Amino acid sequence: MRDFIKVMKALSDPNRVKMIKLLQRRVMCVCEIQAALGLAQSTASKHLKILEEAGLITYAKEGLWVNYRLADGGMNPYVSSLLGNLRHWLEEDPQVAALVARLPEIRRETICGT
């Protein structure tokens, strides 16, 4: 039950659900996520840490970038099931639709100037 509760708590915050919806579309760095959601870097990082500890996302350092992506859910059946369902859930939500529409213009090269 502990794993289930951890995943459900991680998904109990609207910003974390939005992060999952963004990461369904592409791998992103924290600066892109914070720009998309209008969050402070520290707030975005805290949310990402909670999602990572619940097994919903993973990250990999690639050069100067830390890239976040959805986990495969192999270690936790609740993660696998919820991520599979979230692919379809909330697609018509106005907030999610607006985020997805803005995603092509949110690029780390523009945000960070590299």
C-alpha atoms as a PDB file:
ATOM      1  CA  MET A   1       0.000   0.000   0.000  1.00  0.00           C
ATOM      2  CA  ARG A   2       2.925   2.370   0.688  1.00  0.00           C
ATOM      3  CA  ASP A   3       3.914   2.536  -3.000  1.00  0.00           C
ATOM      4  CA  PHE A   4       0.336   3.256  -4.040  1.00  0.00           C
ATOM      5  CA  ILE A   5      -0.044   6.107  -1.521  1.00  0.00           C
ATOM      6  CA  LYS A   6       3.287   7.636  -2.566  1.00  0.00           C
ATOM      7  CA  VAL A   7       2.227   7.733  -6.223  1.00  0.00           C
ATOM      8  CA  MET A   8      -1.214   9.125  -5.409  1.00  0.00           C
ATOM      9  CA  LYS A   9       0.253  11.853  -3.174  1.00  0.00           C
ATOM     10  CA  ALA A  10       2.703  12.804  -5.914  1.00  0.00           C
ATOM     11  CA  LEU A  11      -0.196  13.233  -8.331  1.00  0.00           C
ATOM     12  CA  SER A  12      -2.311  15.213  -5.856  1.00  0.00           C
ATOM     13  CA  ASP A  13      -0.844  18.562  -6.923  1.00  0.00           C
ATOM     14  CA  PRO A  14      -2.056  20.249 -10.143  1.00  0.00           C
ATOM     15  CA  ASN A  15       1.435  21.455 -11.090  1.00  0.00           C
ATOM     16  CA  ARG A  16       2.843  17.937 -10.803  1.00  0.00           C
ATOM     17  CA  VAL A  17       0.044  16.553 -12.989  1.00  0.00           C
ATOM     18  CA  LYS A  18       0.825  19.279 -15.547  1.00  0.00           C
ATOM     19  CA  MET A  19       4.498  18.287 -15.427  1.00  0.00           C
ATOM     20  CA  ILE A  20       3.528  14.707 -16.223  1.00  0.00           C
ATOM     21  CA  LYS A  21       1.355  15.898 -19.113  1.00  0.00           C
ATOM     22  CA  LEU A  22       4.283  17.949 -20.493  1.00  0.00           C
ATOM     23  CA  LEU A  23       6.720  15.060 -20.141  1.00  0.00           C
ATOM     24  CA  GLN A  24       4.330  12.860 -22.103  1.00  0.00           C
ATOM     25  CA  ARG A  25       5.143  15.066 -25.081  1.00  0.00           C
ATOM     26  CA  ARG A  26       8.919  15.303 -24.776  1.00  0.00           C
ATOM     27  CA  VAL A  27      11.981  15.195 -22.553  1.00  0.00           C
ATOM     28  CA  MET A  28      12.438  18.524 -20.799  1.00  0.00           C
ATOM     29  CA  CYS A  29      14.914  20.320 -18.548  1.00  0.00           C
ATOM     30  CA  VAL A  30      13.867  22.152 -15.398  1.00  0.00           C
ATOM     31  CA  CYS A  31      14.166  25.568 -17.077  1.00  0.00           C
ATOM     32  CA  GLU A  32      11.657  24.525 -19.753  1.00  0.00           C
ATOM     33  CA  ILE A  33       9.270  23.115 -17.159  1.00  0.00           C
ATOM     34  CA  GLN A  34       9.472  26.212 -14.987  1.00  0.00           C
ATOM     35  CA  ALA A  35       8.897  28.460 -18.025  1.00  0.00           C
ATOM     36  CA  ALA A  36       5.899  26.409 -19.138  1.00  0.00           C
ATOM     37  CA  LEU A  37       4.268  26.512 -15.701  1.00  0.00           C
ATOM     38  CA  GLY A  38       5.443  29.940 -14.546  1.00  0.00           C
ATOM     39  CA  LEU A  39       7.127  28.530 -11.448  1.00  0.00           C
ATOM     40  CA  ALA A  40      10.271  29.529  -9.612  1.00  0.00           C
ATOM     41  CA  GLN A  41      13.198  27.191 -10.281  1.00  0.00           C
ATOM     42  CA  SER A  42      13.237  25.979  -6.681  1.00  0.00           C
ATOM     43  CA  THR A  43       9.501  25.214  -6.756  1.00  0.00           C
ATOM     44  CA  ALA A  44       9.788  23.320 -10.044  1.00  0.00           C
ATOM     45  CA  SER A  45      12.743  21.351  -8.673  1.00  0.00           C
ATOM     46  CA  LYS A  46      10.831  20.402  -5.519  1.00  0.00           C
ATOM     47  CA  HIS A  47       7.900  19.142  -7.578  1.00  0.00           C
ATOM     48  CA  LEU A  48      10.236  17.176  -9.842  1.00  0.00           C
ATOM     49  CA  LYS A  49      11.917  15.587  -6.818  1.00  0.00           C
ATOM     50  CA  ILE A  50       8.530  14.411  -5.473  1.00  0.00           C
ATOM     51  CA  LEU A  51       7.627  12.913  -8.862  1.00  0.00           C
ATOM     52  CA  GLU A  52      11.019  11.216  -9.067  1.00  0.00           C
ATOM     53  CA  GLU A  53      10.789   9.781  -5.540  1.00  0.00           C
ATOM     54  CA  ALA A  54       7.355   8.345  -6.408  1.00  0.00           C
ATOM     55  CA  GLY A  55       8.881   6.636  -9.454  1.00  0.00           C
ATOM     56  CA  LEU A  56       6.858   8.646 -11.988  1.00  0.00           C
ATOM     57  CA  ILE A  57       9.809  10.339 -13.683  1.00  0.00           C
ATOM     58  CA  THR A  58      13.514   9.792 -14.136  1.00  0.00           C
ATOM     59  CA  TYR A  59      16.318  12.139 -15.031  1.00  0.00           C
ATOM     60  CA  ALA A  60      19.664  11.921 -16.761  1.00  0.00           C
ATOM     61  CA  LYS A  61      22.485  14.423 -16.795  1.00  0.00           C
ATOM     62  CA  GLU A  62      23.595  15.055 -20.368  1.00  0.00           C
ATOM     63  CA  GLY A  63      26.392  17.585 -20.552  1.00  0.00           C
ATOM     64  CA  LEU A  64      25.151  20.799 -18.959  1.00  0.00           C
ATOM     65  CA  TRP A  65      21.533  19.639 -18.981  1.00  0.00           C
ATOM     66  CA  VAL A  66      19.512  17.523 -16.602  1.00  0.00           C
ATOM     67  CA  ASN A  67      16.777  15.978 -18.713  1.00  0.00           C
ATOM     68  CA  TYR A  68      13.549  14.716 -17.170  1.00  0.00           C
ATOM     69  CA  ARG A  69      11.379  12.033 -18.742  1.00  0.00           C
ATOM     70  CA  LEU A  70       8.548   9.753 -17.731  1.00  0.00           C
ATOM     71  CA  ALA A  71       9.568   6.556 -15.988  1.00  0.00           C
ATOM     72  CA  ASP A  72       8.753   3.239 -17.613  1.00  0.00           C
ATOM     73  CA  GLY A  73       6.887   2.108 -14.492  1.00  0.00           C
ATOM     74  CA  GLY A  74       8.675  -1.230 -14.454  1.00  0.00           C
ATOM     75  CA  MET A  75       9.421  -1.090 -10.738  1.00  0.00           C
ATOM     76  CA  ASN A  76       5.938  -0.099  -9.606  1.00  0.00           C
ATOM     77  CA  PRO A  77       2.702  -1.419 -11.148  1.00  0.00           C
ATOM     78  CA  TYR A  78       0.788   1.636  -9.899  1.00  0.00           C
ATOM     79  CA  VAL A  79       3.121   3.959 -11.789  1.00  0.00           C
ATOM     80  CA  SER A  80       2.732   1.953 -14.968  1.00  0.00           C
ATOM     81  CA  SER A  81      -1.047   1.898 -14.723  1.00  0.00           C
ATOM     82  CA  LEU A  82      -1.459   5.563 -13.826  1.00  0.00           C
ATOM     83  CA  LEU A  83       0.967   6.824 -16.466  1.00  0.00           C
ATOM     84  CA  GLY A  84      -0.825   4.698 -19.051  1.00  0.00           C
ATOM     85  CA  ASN A  85      -4.185   6.151 -18.087  1.00  0.00           C
ATOM     86  CA  LEU A  86      -2.858   9.714 -17.812  1.00  0.00           C
ATOM     87  CA  ARG A  87      -1.916   9.521 -21.497  1.00  0.00           C
ATOM     88  CA  HIS A  88      -5.654   9.757 -22.192  1.00  0.00           C
ATOM     89  CA  TRP A  89      -6.942  11.617 -19.156  1.00  0.00           C
ATOM     90  CA  LEU A  90      -7.128  15.423 -19.094  1.00  0.00           C
ATOM     91  CA  GLU A  91      -6.327  15.838 -22.790  1.00  0.00           C
ATOM     92  CA  GLU A  92      -9.378  18.089 -23.161  1.00  0.00           C
ATOM     93  CA  ASP A  93      -8.706  20.082 -19.991  1.00  0.00           C
ATOM     94  CA  PRO A  94      -8.288  23.775 -20.948  1.00  0.00           C
ATOM     95  CA  GLN A  95      -5.165  24.243 -18.817  1.00  0.00           C
ATOM     96  CA  VAL A  96      -3.485  21.154 -20.248  1.00  0.00           C
ATOM     97  CA  ALA A  97      -4.502  22.051 -23.805  1.00  0.00           C
ATOM     98  CA  ALA A  98      -3.040  25.550 -23.394  1.00  0.00           C
ATOM     99  CA  LEU A  99       0.246  24.150 -22.062  1.00  0.00           C
ATOM    100  CA  VAL A 100       0.526  21.681 -24.912  1.00  0.00           C
ATOM    101  CA  ALA A 101      -0.217  24.405 -27.463  1.00  0.00           C
ATOM    102  CA  ARG A 102       2.634  26.538 -26.064  1.00  0.00           C
ATOM    103  CA  LEU A 103       5.105  23.663 -25.892  1.00  0.00           C
ATOM    104  CA  PRO A 104       6.717  24.207 -29.333  1.00  0.00           C
ATOM    105  CA  GLU A 105       7.822  27.723 -28.343  1.00  0.00           C
ATOM    106  CA  ILE A 106       9.333  26.599 -25.027  1.00  0.00           C
ATOM    107  CA  ARG A 107      12.935  25.730 -25.818  1.00  0.00           C
ATOM    108  CA  ARG A 108      15.929  25.638 -23.504  1.00  0.00           C
ATOM    109  CA  GLU A 109      18.096  27.369 -26.092  1.00  0.00           C
ATOM    110  CA  THR A 110      15.803  30.407 -25.979  1.00  0.00           C
ATOM    111  CA  ILE A 111      15.260  30.361 -22.215  1.00  0.00           C
ATOM    112  CA  CYS A 112      18.879  29.825 -21.187  1.00  0.00           C
ATOM    113  CA  GLY A 113      20.500  31.583 -24.133  1.00  0.00           C
ATOM    114  CA  THR A 114      22.673  28.654 -25.183  1.00  0.00           C
END
